[in-house]
Amino acid sequence: MTYRICKPPSQSVYSGVCHRLAITSKIAIGFCSGVRHRLALMSKITIRLTMSRPLIYTIILTNMSYKRKRKTYFGFIHYRKHTLSLD
């Protein structure tokens, strides 16, 4: 089950965002490589490209939830995945 919302201009930028978020959030690189497209959604680069209000709203909720509780963070990823798949 794969879905792609938006892709940054270059793969190097994509990976750079992934690694930066992995270091900031203390997530293993192996885990990050599997969900880097989801993590990249939190970056300003992707937000600018998508310019979608519901998506940005979800990103804000996800980012806030992650700081408080990791389980809630994954819950939002799961919710967002199903919400966007319906489109």
N, C-alpha and C. Protein backbone atom coordinates (compact mmCIF):
# COMPACT_ATOMS: atom_id res chain seq x y z
N MET A 1 0.85 -1.19 0.00
CA MET A 1 0.00 0.00 0.00
C MET A 1 0.89 1.25 0.00
N THR A 2 1.08 1.80 -1.16
CA THR A 2 1.94 2.98 -1.26
C THR A 2 1.14 4.17 -1.80
N TYR A 3 1.50 5.33 -1.34
CA TYR A 3 0.85 6.54 -1.83
C TYR A 3 1.87 7.67 -1.82
N ARG A 4 1.77 8.52 -2.82
CA ARG A 4 2.70 9.65 -2.90
C ARG A 4 1.89 10.92 -3.09
N ILE A 5 2.19 11.87 -2.26
CA ILE A 5 1.45 13.13 -2.30
C ILE A 5 2.23 14.18 -3.08
N CYS A 6 3.48 14.29 -2.74
CA CYS A 6 4.29 15.34 -3.34
C CYS A 6 5.75 14.93 -3.31
N LYS A 7 6.49 15.30 -4.34
CA LYS A 7 7.89 14.94 -4.38
C LYS A 7 8.74 16.19 -4.57
N PRO A 8 9.68 16.44 -3.65
CA PRO A 8 10.58 17.59 -3.77
C PRO A 8 11.35 17.57 -5.09
N PRO A 9 11.91 18.70 -5.51
CA PRO A 9 12.60 18.83 -6.80
C PRO A 9 13.65 17.75 -7.04
N SER A 10 14.47 17.44 -6.06
CA SER A 10 15.52 16.45 -6.27
C SER A 10 15.55 15.41 -5.16
N GLN A 11 16.04 14.23 -5.50
CA GLN A 11 16.10 13.14 -4.53
C GLN A 11 17.08 13.46 -3.41
N SER A 12 18.13 14.21 -3.73
CA SER A 12 19.13 14.56 -2.72
C SER A 12 18.52 15.44 -1.63
N VAL A 13 17.69 16.38 -2.03
CA VAL A 13 16.99 17.24 -1.07
C VAL A 13 16.05 16.38 -0.23
N TYR A 14 15.40 15.45 -0.90
CA TYR A 14 14.48 14.51 -0.24
C TYR A 14 15.19 13.74 0.85
N SER A 15 16.35 13.16 0.52
CA SER A 15 17.12 12.39 1.49
C SER A 15 17.69 13.29 2.58
N GLY A 16 18.08 14.50 2.20
CA GLY A 16 18.63 15.45 3.16
C GLY A 16 17.62 15.80 4.24
N VAL A 17 16.38 16.03 3.82
CA VAL A 17 15.30 16.32 4.76
C VAL A 17 15.07 15.12 5.67
N CYS A 18 15.11 13.94 5.07
CA CYS A 18 14.91 12.69 5.82
C CYS A 18 15.96 12.54 6.91
N HIS A 19 17.21 12.73 6.56
CA HIS A 19 18.30 12.57 7.52
C HIS A 19 18.24 13.63 8.61
N ARG A 20 17.91 14.84 8.21
CA ARG A 20 17.83 15.94 9.18
C ARG A 20 16.73 15.67 10.21
N LEU A 21 15.60 15.19 9.73
CA LEU A 21 14.49 14.87 10.63
C LEU A 21 14.82 13.67 11.50
N ALA A 22 15.57 12.73 10.94
CA ALA A 22 15.95 11.54 11.69
C ALA A 22 16.84 11.91 12.87
N ILE A 23 17.76 12.83 12.63
CA ILE A 23 18.66 13.28 13.70
C ILE A 23 17.89 14.08 14.75
N THR A 24 17.02 14.95 14.28
CA THR A 24 16.24 15.78 15.19
C THR A 24 15.29 14.95 16.04
N SER A 25 14.63 14.01 15.43
CA SER A 25 13.64 13.21 16.13
C SER A 25 14.22 11.93 16.74
N LYS A 26 15.52 11.72 16.54
CA LYS A 26 16.19 10.53 17.06
C LYS A 26 15.55 9.25 16.55
N ILE A 27 15.27 9.24 15.26
CA ILE A 27 14.69 8.05 14.63
C ILE A 27 15.80 7.31 13.88
N ALA A 28 15.77 6.00 13.92
CA ALA A 28 16.80 5.21 13.24
C ALA A 28 16.75 5.47 11.74
N ILE A 29 17.93 5.50 11.10
CA ILE A 29 18.00 5.77 9.66
C ILE A 29 17.23 4.70 8.88
N GLY A 30 17.29 3.47 9.33
CA GLY A 30 16.57 2.39 8.64
C GLY A 30 15.07 2.63 8.65
N PHE A 31 14.56 3.07 9.79
CA PHE A 31 13.13 3.37 9.92
C PHE A 31 12.78 4.57 9.06
N CYS A 32 13.66 5.55 9.08
CA CYS A 32 13.43 6.79 8.34
C CYS A 32 13.32 6.52 6.84
N SER A 33 14.18 5.66 6.31
CA SER A 33 14.17 5.37 4.88
C SER A 33 12.85 4.75 4.44
N GLY A 34 12.19 4.07 5.37
CA GLY A 34 10.91 3.45 5.03
C GLY A 34 9.75 4.43 4.99
N VAL A 35 9.84 5.49 5.77
CA VAL A 35 8.73 6.44 5.83
C VAL A 35 9.21 7.86 5.57
N ARG A 36 10.28 7.99 4.79
CA ARG A 36 10.85 9.33 4.57
C ARG A 36 9.87 10.25 3.84
N HIS A 37 9.00 9.68 2.99
CA HIS A 37 8.03 10.54 2.30
C HIS A 37 7.03 11.12 3.29
N ARG A 38 6.74 10.37 4.36
CA ARG A 38 5.82 10.89 5.38
C ARG A 38 6.51 11.93 6.24
N LEU A 39 7.78 11.67 6.58
CA LEU A 39 8.53 12.62 7.39
C LEU A 39 8.78 13.91 6.62
N ALA A 40 8.98 13.77 5.31
CA ALA A 40 9.25 14.94 4.48
C ALA A 40 8.05 15.88 4.42
N LEU A 41 6.88 15.34 4.70
CA LEU A 41 5.67 16.18 4.68
C LEU A 41 5.72 17.27 5.74
N MET A 42 6.57 17.06 6.75
CA MET A 42 6.67 18.05 7.82
C MET A 42 7.57 19.22 7.44
N SER A 43 8.35 19.04 6.38
CA SER A 43 9.29 20.08 6.01
C SER A 43 8.59 21.23 5.28
N LYS A 44 9.18 22.41 5.38
CA LYS A 44 8.61 23.59 4.73
C LYS A 44 8.63 23.44 3.21
N ILE A 45 9.61 22.71 2.70
CA ILE A 45 9.72 22.50 1.25
C ILE A 45 8.46 21.84 0.72
N THR A 46 8.05 20.76 1.37
CA THR A 46 6.88 20.02 0.92
C THR A 46 5.60 20.81 1.15
N ILE A 47 5.54 21.51 2.25
CA ILE A 47 4.36 22.33 2.55
C ILE A 47 4.17 23.39 1.46
N ARG A 48 5.25 23.98 1.01
CA ARG A 48 5.17 24.99 -0.04
C ARG A 48 4.67 24.39 -1.34
N LEU A 49 5.14 23.17 -1.64
CA LEU A 49 4.76 22.53 -2.90
C LEU A 49 3.31 22.07 -2.90
N THR A 50 2.85 21.59 -1.77
CA THR A 50 1.48 21.07 -1.71
C THR A 50 0.46 22.18 -1.54
N MET A 51 0.74 23.10 -0.62
CA MET A 51 -0.17 24.22 -0.33
C MET A 51 -1.59 23.72 -0.07
N SER A 52 -1.70 22.66 0.69
CA SER A 52 -3.01 22.10 0.99
C SER A 52 -3.34 22.36 2.45
N ARG A 53 -4.43 23.03 2.72
CA ARG A 53 -4.80 23.38 4.09
C ARG A 53 -5.02 22.16 4.98
N PRO A 54 -5.80 21.16 4.55
CA PRO A 54 -6.00 19.98 5.40
C PRO A 54 -4.69 19.26 5.70
N LEU A 55 -3.80 19.21 4.71
CA LEU A 55 -2.52 18.52 4.87
C LEU A 55 -1.65 19.25 5.89
N ILE A 56 -1.56 20.58 5.75
CA ILE A 56 -0.77 21.38 6.68
C ILE A 56 -1.34 21.25 8.10
N TYR A 57 -2.65 21.23 8.19
CA TYR A 57 -3.32 21.08 9.49
C TYR A 57 -2.95 19.74 10.12
N THR A 58 -2.90 18.70 9.30
CA THR A 58 -2.53 17.37 9.78
C THR A 58 -1.08 17.35 10.21
N ILE A 59 -0.22 18.03 9.45
CA ILE A 59 1.21 18.09 9.77
C ILE A 59 1.41 18.75 11.13
N ILE A 60 0.69 19.85 11.36
CA ILE A 60 0.80 20.56 12.64
C ILE A 60 0.37 19.65 13.78
N LEU A 61 -0.74 18.95 13.60
CA LEU A 61 -1.23 18.03 14.62
C LEU A 61 -0.23 16.90 14.86
N THR A 62 0.32 16.38 13.76
CA THR A 62 1.28 15.27 13.86
C THR A 62 2.53 15.72 14.59
N ASN A 63 3.02 16.90 14.25
CA ASN A 63 4.24 17.41 14.86
C ASN A 63 4.05 17.63 16.35
N MET A 64 2.92 18.19 16.73
CA MET A 64 2.62 18.44 18.14
C MET A 64 2.46 17.12 18.90
N SER A 65 1.80 16.18 18.26
CA SER A 65 1.53 14.89 18.90
C SER A 65 2.83 14.12 19.14
N TYR A 66 3.75 14.24 18.18
CA TYR A 66 5.00 13.49 18.29
C TYR A 66 5.81 13.93 19.51
N LYS A 67 5.77 15.23 19.78
CA LYS A 67 6.52 15.76 20.92
C LYS A 67 5.94 15.25 22.24
N ARG A 68 4.64 15.03 22.26
CA ARG A 68 3.99 14.59 23.49
C ARG A 68 4.02 13.07 23.64
N LYS A 69 3.60 12.39 22.60
CA LYS A 69 3.48 10.94 22.70
C LYS A 69 3.72 10.29 21.34
N ARG A 70 4.59 9.31 21.30
CA ARG A 70 4.95 8.68 20.03
C ARG A 70 3.77 7.89 19.45
N LYS A 71 2.98 7.26 20.31
CA LYS A 71 1.84 6.48 19.83
C LYS A 71 0.83 7.36 19.10
N THR A 72 0.61 8.55 19.63
CA THR A 72 -0.33 9.48 18.99
C THR A 72 0.20 9.89 17.62
N TYR A 73 1.50 10.06 17.52
CA TYR A 73 2.14 10.44 16.26
C TYR A 73 1.86 9.41 15.17
N PHE A 74 2.05 8.14 15.52
CA PHE A 74 1.80 7.09 14.53
C PHE A 74 0.31 6.97 14.23
N GLY A 75 -0.50 7.29 15.21
CA GLY A 75 -1.94 7.27 14.99
C GLY A 75 -2.35 8.29 13.95
N PHE A 76 -1.73 9.45 13.98
CA PHE A 76 -2.03 10.48 13.00
C PHE A 76 -1.52 10.10 11.62
N ILE A 77 -0.38 9.44 11.56
CA ILE A 77 0.14 8.98 10.27
C ILE A 77 -0.87 8.01 9.65
N HIS A 78 -1.36 7.10 10.47
CA HIS A 78 -2.32 6.10 10.00
C HIS A 78 -3.61 6.78 9.53
N TYR A 79 -4.06 7.76 10.29
CA TYR A 79 -5.28 8.49 9.96
C TYR A 79 -5.10 9.28 8.67
N ARG A 80 -3.97 9.95 8.54
CA ARG A 80 -3.69 10.75 7.36
C ARG A 80 -3.62 9.87 6.12
N LYS A 81 -3.01 8.70 6.28
CA LYS A 81 -2.86 7.76 5.18
C LYS A 81 -4.22 7.37 4.61
N HIS A 82 -5.14 7.02 5.49
CA HIS A 82 -6.46 6.61 5.05
C HIS A 82 -7.26 7.79 4.49
N THR A 83 -7.09 8.94 5.09
CA THR A 83 -7.81 10.13 4.63
C THR A 83 -7.40 10.51 3.22
N LEU A 84 -6.10 10.50 2.96
CA LEU A 84 -5.60 10.89 1.64
C LEU A 84 -5.84 9.80 0.60
N SER A 85 -5.92 8.56 1.02
CA SER A 85 -6.17 7.46 0.09
C SER A 85 -7.58 7.54 -0.50
N LEU A 86 -8.49 8.12 0.25
CA LEU A 86 -9.87 8.24 -0.22
C LEU A 86 -9.97 9.20 -1.39
N ASP A 87 -9.02 10.12 -1.50
CA ASP A 87 -9.01 11.05 -2.64
C ASP A 87 -8.68 10.29 -3.91
